[in-house]
PDB file of N, CA and C in Angstrom:
ATOM      1  N   MET A   1      29.674 -50.330   1.684  1.00  0.00           N
ATOM      2  CA  MET A   1      29.390 -51.444   2.590  1.00  0.00           C
ATOM      3  C   MET A   1      30.648 -51.900   3.282  1.00  0.00           C
ATOM      4  N   THR A   2      30.586 -52.099   4.535  1.00  0.00           N
ATOM      5  CA  THR A   2      31.798 -52.452   5.299  1.00  0.00           C
ATOM      6  C   THR A   2      31.790 -54.001   5.459  1.00  0.00           C
ATOM      7  N   ASP A   3      32.982 -54.569   5.595  1.00  0.00           N
ATOM      8  CA  ASP A   3      33.128 -55.996   5.836  1.00  0.00           C
ATOM      9  C   ASP A   3      33.419 -56.246   7.303  1.00  0.00           C
ATOM     10  N   GLU A   4      32.466 -55.911   8.212  1.00  0.00           N
ATOM     11  CA  GLU A   4      32.642 -56.141   9.597  1.00  0.00           C
ATOM     12  C   GLU A   4      32.475 -57.615   9.856  1.00  0.00           C
ATOM     13  N   PRO A   5      33.321 -58.150  10.765  1.00  0.00           N
ATOM     14  CA  PRO A   5      33.196 -59.588  11.062  1.00  0.00           C
ATOM     15  C   PRO A   5      31.845 -59.887  11.742  1.00  0.00           C
ATOM     16  N   LYS A   6      31.227 -60.970  11.408  1.00  0.00           N
ATOM     17  CA  LYS A   6      29.950 -61.368  11.990  1.00  0.00           C
ATOM     18  C   LYS A   6      30.168 -61.844  13.383  1.00  0.00           C
ATOM     19  N   LYS A   7      29.415 -61.294  14.293  1.00  0.00           N
ATOM     20  CA  LYS A   7      29.497 -61.710  15.695  1.00  0.00           C
ATOM     21  C   LYS A   7      28.810 -63.063  15.867  1.00  0.00           C
ATOM     22  N   PRO A   8      29.461 -64.004  16.571  1.00  0.00           N
ATOM     23  CA  PRO A   8      28.868 -65.310  16.717  1.00  0.00           C
ATOM     24  C   PRO A   8      27.596 -65.274  17.552  1.00  0.00           C
ATOM     25  N   ARG A   9      26.648 -66.190  17.218  1.00  0.00           N
ATOM     26  CA  ARG A   9      25.418 -66.259  17.973  1.00  0.00           C
ATOM     27  C   ARG A   9      25.639 -66.720  19.344  1.00  0.00           C
ATOM     28  N   PHE A  10      26.512 -67.703  19.560  1.00  0.00           N
ATOM     29  CA  PHE A  10      26.749 -68.294  20.847  1.00  0.00           C
ATOM     30  C   PHE A  10      28.263 -68.135  21.233  1.00  0.00           C
ATOM     31  N   LEU A  11      28.490 -67.959  22.541  1.00  0.00           N
ATOM     32  CA  LEU A  11      29.787 -67.805  23.061  1.00  0.00           C
ATOM     33  C   LEU A  11      30.109 -68.901  24.009  1.00  0.00           C
ATOM     34  N   THR A  12      31.369 -69.232  24.141  1.00  0.00           N
ATOM     35  CA  THR A  12      31.808 -70.199  25.135  1.00  0.00           C
ATOM     36  C   THR A  12      31.893 -69.513  26.500  1.00  0.00           C
ATOM     37  N   ILE A  13      32.140 -70.277  27.533  1.00  0.00           N
ATOM     38  CA  ILE A  13      32.320 -69.719  28.858  1.00  0.00           C
ATOM     39  C   ILE A  13      33.517 -68.760  28.842  1.00  0.00           C
ATOM     40  N   SER A  14      34.584 -69.169  28.193  1.00  0.00           N
ATOM     41  CA  SER A  14      35.785 -68.365  28.073  1.00  0.00           C
ATOM     42  C   SER A  14      35.509 -67.048  27.336  1.00  0.00           C
ATOM     43  N   GLN A  15      34.807 -67.134  26.263  1.00  0.00           N
ATOM     44  CA  GLN A  15      34.515 -65.886  25.467  1.00  0.00           C
ATOM     45  C   GLN A  15      33.570 -64.991  26.287  1.00  0.00           C
ATOM     46  N   SER A  16      32.629 -65.591  26.953  1.00  0.00           N
ATOM     47  CA  SER A  16      31.695 -64.797  27.805  1.00  0.00           C
ATOM     48  C   SER A  16      32.464 -64.073  28.899  1.00  0.00           C
ATOM     49  N   ALA A  17      33.377 -64.787  29.572  1.00  0.00           N
ATOM     50  CA  ALA A  17      34.172 -64.178  30.617  1.00  0.00           C
ATOM     51  C   ALA A  17      34.981 -62.966  30.084  1.00  0.00           C
ATOM     52  N   GLU A  18      35.528 -63.169  28.914  1.00  0.00           N
ATOM     53  CA  GLU A  18      36.287 -62.083  28.303  1.00  0.00           C
ATOM     54  C   GLU A  18      35.428 -60.935  27.997  1.00  0.00           C
ATOM     55  N   GLU A  19      34.231 -61.166  27.481  1.00  0.00           N
ATOM     56  CA  GLU A  19      33.284 -60.133  27.137  1.00  0.00           C
ATOM     57  C   GLU A  19      32.857 -59.311  28.378  1.00  0.00           C
ATOM     58  N   LEU A  20      32.689 -59.958  29.503  1.00  0.00           N
ATOM     59  CA  LEU A  20      32.256 -59.272  30.768  1.00  0.00           C
ATOM     60  C   LEU A  20      33.422 -58.915  31.594  1.00  0.00           C
ATOM     61  N   ASN A  21      34.622 -59.271  31.226  1.00  0.00           N
ATOM     62  CA  ASN A  21      35.835 -58.924  31.953  1.00  0.00           C
ATOM     63  C   ASN A  21      35.824 -59.538  33.401  1.00  0.00           C
ATOM     64  N   VAL A  22      35.422 -60.804  33.454  1.00  0.00           N
ATOM     65  CA  VAL A  22      35.366 -61.538  34.696  1.00  0.00           C
ATOM     66  C   VAL A  22      36.123 -62.851  34.427  1.00  0.00           C
ATOM     67  N   ASN A  23      36.247 -63.674  35.547  1.00  0.00           N
ATOM     68  CA  ASN A  23      36.887 -64.978  35.302  1.00  0.00           C
ATOM     69  C   ASN A  23      35.818 -65.998  34.937  1.00  0.00           C
ATOM     70  N   GLN A  24      36.298 -67.141  34.388  1.00  0.00           N
ATOM     71  CA  GLN A  24      35.360 -68.206  33.984  1.00  0.00           C
ATOM     72  C   GLN A  24      34.537 -68.727  35.153  1.00  0.00           C
ATOM     73  N   ASN A  25      35.071 -68.799  36.379  1.00  0.00           N
ATOM     74  CA  ASN A  25      34.279 -69.277  37.505  1.00  0.00           C
ATOM     75  C   ASN A  25      33.102 -68.349  37.775  1.00  0.00           C
ATOM     76  N   GLN A  26      33.251 -67.104  37.548  1.00  0.00           N
ATOM     77  CA  GLN A  26      32.170 -66.141  37.754  1.00  0.00           C
ATOM     78  C   GLN A  26      31.039 -66.443  36.717  1.00  0.00           C
ATOM     79  N   ILE A  27      31.423 -66.735  35.500  1.00  0.00           N
ATOM     80  CA  ILE A  27      30.399 -67.059  34.510  1.00  0.00           C
ATOM     81  C   ILE A  27      29.709 -68.360  34.869  1.00  0.00           C
ATOM     82  N   ARG A  28      30.387 -69.341  35.352  1.00  0.00           N
ATOM     83  CA  ARG A  28      29.775 -70.589  35.805  1.00  0.00           C
ATOM     84  C   ARG A  28      28.819 -70.347  36.937  1.00  0.00           C
ATOM     85  N   ALA A  29      29.207 -69.498  37.912  1.00  0.00           N
ATOM     86  CA  ALA A  29      28.334 -69.171  39.032  1.00  0.00           C
ATOM     87  C   ALA A  29      27.072 -68.446  38.510  1.00  0.00           C
ATOM     88  N   LEU A  30      27.225 -67.533  37.596  1.00  0.00           N
ATOM     89  CA  LEU A  30      26.026 -66.805  37.058  1.00  0.00           C
ATOM     90  C   LEU A  30      25.128 -67.809  36.292  1.00  0.00           C
ATOM     91  N   LEU A  31      25.668 -68.783  35.642  1.00  0.00           N
ATOM     92  CA  LEU A  31      24.856 -69.771  34.959  1.00  0.00           C
ATOM     93  C   LEU A  31      24.099 -70.634  36.000  1.00  0.00           C
ATOM     94  N   ARG A  32      24.812 -71.058  37.043  1.00  0.00           N
ATOM     95  CA  ARG A  32      24.177 -71.958  38.048  1.00  0.00           C
ATOM     96  C   ARG A  32      23.045 -71.203  38.738  1.00  0.00           C
ATOM     97  N   THR A  33      23.165 -69.879  38.995  1.00  0.00           N
ATOM     98  CA  THR A  33      22.129 -69.170  39.730  1.00  0.00           C
ATOM     99  C   THR A  33      20.993 -68.732  38.769  1.00  0.00           C
ATOM    100  N   GLY A  34      21.214 -68.847  37.459  1.00  0.00           N
ATOM    101  CA  GLY A  34      20.207 -68.379  36.508  1.00  0.00           C
ATOM    102  C   GLY A  34      20.287 -66.910  36.187  1.00  0.00           C
ATOM    103  N   GLU A  35      21.256 -66.213  36.765  1.00  0.00           N
ATOM    104  CA  GLU A  35      21.341 -64.793  36.457  1.00  0.00           C
ATOM    105  C   GLU A  35      21.756 -64.586  34.971  1.00  0.00           C
ATOM    106  N   LEU A  36      22.533 -65.520  34.508  1.00  0.00           N
ATOM    107  CA  LEU A  36      22.918 -65.465  33.055  1.00  0.00           C
ATOM    108  C   LEU A  36      22.335 -66.697  32.405  1.00  0.00           C
ATOM    109  N   ARG A  37      21.574 -66.478  31.302  1.00  0.00           N
ATOM    110  CA  ARG A  37      21.048 -67.626  30.580  1.00  0.00           C
ATOM    111  C   ARG A  37      22.109 -68.300  29.745  1.00  0.00           C
ATOM    112  N   GLY A  38      21.980 -69.612  29.679  1.00  0.00           N
ATOM    113  CA  GLY A  38      22.870 -70.391  28.798  1.00  0.00           C
ATOM    114  C   GLY A  38      22.201 -71.709  28.537  1.00  0.00           C
ATOM    115  N   ILE A  39      22.737 -72.459  27.586  1.00  0.00           N
ATOM    116  CA  ILE A  39      22.297 -73.771  27.256  1.00  0.00           C
ATOM    117  C   ILE A  39      23.452 -74.747  27.301  1.00  0.00           C
ATOM    118  N   GLN A  40      23.099 -75.989  27.616  1.00  0.00           N
ATOM    119  CA  GLN A  40      24.114 -77.070  27.515  1.00  0.00           C
ATOM    120  C   GLN A  40      23.860 -77.910  26.287  1.00  0.00           C
ATOM    121  N   VAL A  41      24.848 -78.141  25.535  1.00  0.00           N
ATOM    122  CA  VAL A  41      24.778 -78.853  24.276  1.00  0.00           C
ATOM    123  C   VAL A  41      25.697 -80.033  24.235  1.00  0.00           C
ATOM    124  N   GLY A  42      25.324 -81.072  23.478  1.00  0.00           N
ATOM    125  CA  GLY A  42      26.190 -82.226  23.326  1.00  0.00           C
ATOM    126  C   GLY A  42      26.152 -83.159  24.498  1.00  0.00           C
ATOM    127  N   GLY A  43      26.740 -84.317  24.345  1.00  0.00           N
ATOM    128  CA  GLY A  43      26.778 -85.305  25.312  1.00  0.00           C
ATOM    129  C   GLY A  43      27.506 -84.942  26.552  1.00  0.00           C
ATOM    130  N   ARG A  44      28.458 -84.095  26.455  1.00  0.00           N
ATOM    131  CA  ARG A  44      29.243 -83.643  27.638  1.00  0.00           C
ATOM    132  C   ARG A  44      28.637 -82.434  28.337  1.00  0.00           C
ATOM    133  N   GLY A  45      27.603 -81.912  27.802  1.00  0.00           N
ATOM    134  CA  GLY A  45      26.902 -80.747  28.422  1.00  0.00           C
ATOM    135  C   GLY A  45      27.745 -79.474  28.410  1.00  0.00           C
ATOM    136  N   VAL A  46      28.366 -79.212  27.251  1.00  0.00           N
ATOM    137  CA  VAL A  46      29.165 -77.996  27.128  1.00  0.00           C
ATOM    138  C   VAL A  46      28.238 -76.783  27.112  1.00  0.00           C
ATOM    139  N   TRP A  47      28.653 -75.771  27.874  1.00  0.00           N
ATOM    140  CA  TRP A  47      27.827 -74.546  27.969  1.00  0.00           C
ATOM    141  C   TRP A  47      28.052 -73.658  26.777  1.00  0.00           C
ATOM    142  N   ARG A  48      26.965 -73.006  26.319  1.00  0.00           N
ATOM    143  CA  ARG A  48      26.977 -71.987  25.284  1.00  0.00           C
ATOM    144  C   ARG A  48      26.042 -70.881  25.789  1.00  0.00           C
ATOM    145  N   ILE A  49      26.540 -69.667  25.622  1.00  0.00           N
ATOM    146  CA  ILE A  49      25.751 -68.478  26.078  1.00  0.00           C
ATOM    147  C   ILE A  49      25.447 -67.607  24.850  1.00  0.00           C
ATOM    148  N   GLY A  50      24.231 -67.325  24.629  1.00  0.00           N
ATOM    149  CA  GLY A  50      23.791 -66.521  23.546  1.00  0.00           C
ATOM    150  C   GLY A  50      24.408 -65.108  23.627  1.00  0.00           C
ATOM    151  N   ALA A  51      24.833 -64.543  22.547  1.00  0.00           N
ATOM    152  CA  ALA A  51      25.318 -63.160  22.517  1.00  0.00           C
ATOM    153  C   ALA A  51      24.243 -62.214  23.031  1.00  0.00           C
ATOM    154  N   ASN A  52      23.054 -62.487  22.643  1.00  0.00           N
ATOM    155  CA  ASN A  52      21.912 -61.643  23.138  1.00  0.00           C
ATOM    156  C   ASN A  52      21.716 -61.768  24.586  1.00  0.00           C
ATOM    157  N   ASP A  53      21.967 -62.980  25.144  1.00  0.00           N
ATOM    158  CA  ASP A  53      21.805 -63.179  26.601  1.00  0.00           C
ATOM    159  C   ASP A  53      22.922 -62.397  27.345  1.00  0.00           C
ATOM    160  N   ILE A  54      24.107 -62.242  26.786  1.00  0.00           N
ATOM    161  CA  ILE A  54      25.159 -61.415  27.410  1.00  0.00           C
ATOM    162  C   ILE A  54      24.619 -59.939  27.416  1.00  0.00           C
ATOM    163  N   GLU A  55      24.077 -59.489  26.319  1.00  0.00           N
ATOM    164  CA  GLU A  55      23.579 -58.143  26.279  1.00  0.00           C
ATOM    165  C   GLU A  55      22.432 -57.903  27.202  1.00  0.00           C
ATOM    166  N   ASP A  56      21.555 -58.887  27.315  1.00  0.00           N
ATOM    167  CA  ASP A  56      20.403 -58.793  28.268  1.00  0.00           C
ATOM    168  C   ASP A  56      20.969 -58.746  29.749  1.00  0.00           C
ATOM    169  N   PHE A  57      21.977 -59.551  30.022  1.00  0.00           N
ATOM    170  CA  PHE A  57      22.593 -59.551  31.336  1.00  0.00           C
ATOM    171  C   PHE A  57      23.129 -58.162  31.681  1.00  0.00           C
ATOM    172  N   ILE A  58      23.891 -57.567  30.738  1.00  0.00           N
ATOM    173  CA  ILE A  58      24.454 -56.264  30.942  1.00  0.00           C
ATOM    174  C   ILE A  58      23.350 -55.217  31.165  1.00  0.00           C
ATOM    175  N   THR A  59      22.287 -55.244  30.389  1.00  0.00           N
ATOM    176  CA  THR A  59      21.171 -54.289  30.574  1.00  0.00           C
ATOM    177  C   THR A  59      20.533 -54.465  31.941  1.00  0.00           C
ATOM    178  N   GLU A  60      20.334 -55.692  32.381  1.00  0.00           N
ATOM    179  CA  GLU A  60      19.762 -55.928  33.702  1.00  0.00           C
ATOM    180  C   GLU A  60      20.699 -55.476  34.793  1.00  0.00           C
ATOM    181  N   ALA A  61      22.019 -55.708  34.626  1.00  0.00           N
ATOM    182  CA  ALA A  61      22.971 -55.259  35.607  1.00  0.00           C
ATOM    183  C   ALA A  61      22.952 -53.720  35.749  1.00  0.00           C
ATOM    184  N   TYR A  62      22.847 -53.024  34.640  1.00  0.00           N
ATOM    185  CA  TYR A  62      22.740 -51.603  34.677  1.00  0.00           C
ATOM    186  C   TYR A  62      21.477 -51.137  35.428  1.00  0.00           C
ATOM    187  N   ARG A  63      20.390 -51.835  35.189  1.00  0.00           N
ATOM    188  CA  ARG A  63      19.104 -51.515  35.857  1.00  0.00           C
ATOM    189  C   ARG A  63      19.225 -51.709  37.344  1.00  0.00           C
ATOM    190  N   ARG A  64      19.775 -52.845  37.800  1.00  0.00           N
ATOM    191  CA  ARG A  64      19.921 -53.160  39.193  1.00  0.00           C
ATOM    192  C   ARG A  64      20.808 -52.158  39.884  1.00  0.00           C
ATOM    193  N   THR A  65      21.925 -51.814  39.181  1.00  0.00           N
ATOM    194  CA  THR A  65      22.836 -50.846  39.773  1.00  0.00           C
ATOM    195  C   THR A  65      22.231 -49.486  39.921  1.00  0.00           C
ATOM    196  N   ALA A  66      21.425 -49.093  38.972  1.00  0.00           N
ATOM    197  CA  ALA A  66      20.731 -47.749  39.050  1.00  0.00           C
ATOM    198  C   ALA A  66      19.763 -47.787  40.220  1.00  0.00           C
ATOM    199  N   GLU A  67      19.070 -48.890  40.452  1.00  0.00           N
ATOM    200  CA  GLU A  67      18.176 -48.939  41.557  1.00  0.00           C
ATOM    201  C   GLU A  67      18.942 -48.897  42.915  1.00  0.00           C
ATOM    202  N   ARG A  68      20.047 -49.558  42.986  1.00  0.00           N
ATOM    203  CA  ARG A  68      20.869 -49.484  44.228  1.00  0.00           C
ATOM    204  C   ARG A  68      21.446 -48.098  44.479  1.00  0.00           C
ATOM    205  N   ILE A  69      21.857 -47.444  43.440  1.00  0.00           N
ATOM    206  CA  ILE A  69      22.278 -46.017  43.559  1.00  0.00           C
ATOM    207  C   ILE A  69      21.166 -45.134  44.083  1.00  0.00           C
ATOM    208  N   ALA A  70      19.987 -45.289  43.450  1.00  0.00           N
ATOM    209  CA  ALA A  70      18.831 -44.466  43.875  1.00  0.00           C
ATOM    210  C   ALA A  70      18.433 -44.749  45.302  1.00  0.00           C
ATOM    211  N   ALA A  71      18.613 -45.958  45.775  1.00  0.00           N
ATOM    212  CA  ALA A  71      18.296 -46.347  47.122  1.00  0.00           C
ATOM    213  C   ALA A  71      19.415 -45.979  48.157  1.00  0.00           C
ATOM    214  N   GLY A  72      20.514 -45.433  47.606  1.00  0.00           N
ATOM    215  CA  GLY A  72      21.636 -45.078  48.473  1.00  0.00           C
ATOM    216  C   GLY A  72      22.432 -46.259  48.983  1.00  0.00           C
ATOM    217  N   GLU A  73      22.313 -47.353  48.307  1.00  0.00           N
ATOM    218  CA  GLU A  73      23.040 -48.574  48.746  1.00  0.00           C
ATOM    219  C   GLU A  73      24.489 -48.655  48.258  1.00  0.00           C
ATOM    220  N   LEU A  74      24.856 -47.904  47.228  1.00  0.00           N
ATOM    221  CA  LEU A  74      26.198 -47.956  46.715  1.00  0.00           C
ATOM    222  C   LEU A  74      26.956 -46.684  46.979  1.00  0.00           C
ATOM    223  N   LYS A  75      28.219 -46.854  47.316  1.00  0.00           N
ATOM    224  CA  LYS A  75      29.132 -45.735  47.554  1.00  0.00           C
ATOM    225  C   LYS A  75      30.175 -45.709  46.418  1.00  0.00           C
ATOM    226  N   ASP A  76      30.841 -44.571  46.244  1.00  0.00           N
ATOM    227  CA  ASP A  76      31.967 -44.468  45.377  1.00  0.00           C
ATOM    228  C   ASP A  76      33.089 -45.381  45.927  1.00  0.00           C
ATOM    229  N   GLU A  77      33.905 -45.911  45.077  1.00  0.00           N
ATOM    230  CA  GLU A  77      35.010 -46.823  45.488  1.00  0.00           C
ATOM    231  C   GLU A  77      35.905 -46.226  46.537  1.00  0.00           C
ATOM    232  N   GLY A  78      36.134 -44.939  46.495  1.00  0.00           N
ATOM    233  CA  GLY A  78      37.053 -44.278  47.449  1.00  0.00           C
ATOM    234  C   GLY A  78      36.435 -43.861  48.772  1.00  0.00           C
ATOM    235  N   GLU A  79      35.080 -43.959  48.879  1.00  0.00           N
ATOM    236  CA  GLU A  79      34.423 -43.557  50.119  1.00  0.00           C
ATOM    237  C   GLU A  79      34.534 -44.668  51.165  1.00  0.00           C
ATOM    238  N   PRO A  80      34.702 -44.307  52.472  1.00  0.00           N
ATOM    239  CA  PRO A  80      34.738 -45.316  53.497  1.00  0.00           C
ATOM    240  C   PRO A  80      33.386 -45.901  53.719  1.00  0.00           C
ATOM    241  N   ALA A  81      33.290 -47.152  54.144  1.00  0.00           N
ATOM    242  CA  ALA A  81      32.033 -47.814  54.404  1.00  0.00           C
ATOM    243  C   ALA A  81      31.434 -47.225  55.715  1.00  0.00           C
ATOM    244  N   ASP A  82      30.087 -47.235  55.770  1.00  0.00           N
ATOM    245  CA  ASP A  82      29.453 -46.789  57.005  1.00  0.00           C
ATOM    246  C   ASP A  82      29.832 -47.698  58.140  1.00  0.00           C
ATOM    247  N   GLU A  83      29.966 -47.128  59.316  1.00  0.00           N
ATOM    248  CA  GLU A  83      30.299 -47.962  60.465  1.00  0.00           C
ATOM    249  C   GLU A  83      29.187 -48.044  61.424  1.00  0.00           C
TER     250      GLU A  83
END
């Protein structure tokens, strides 16, 4: 049996940003638009994002990206944009 550290159920905005490798403002924007689920707790309305919600967001992002690739909407980073 391994002694793996238990992953927390909820993450802060900072932890979520680190997990997704984006800045905290991007996480706040995703919360405002509802693309990323989160809850506000306490009298100050501190945001907490479920670890499962991060995983769901990633799964959905992969699905949307695959759709855009199939539709020909995405180019490789090195390709010039259509003019």
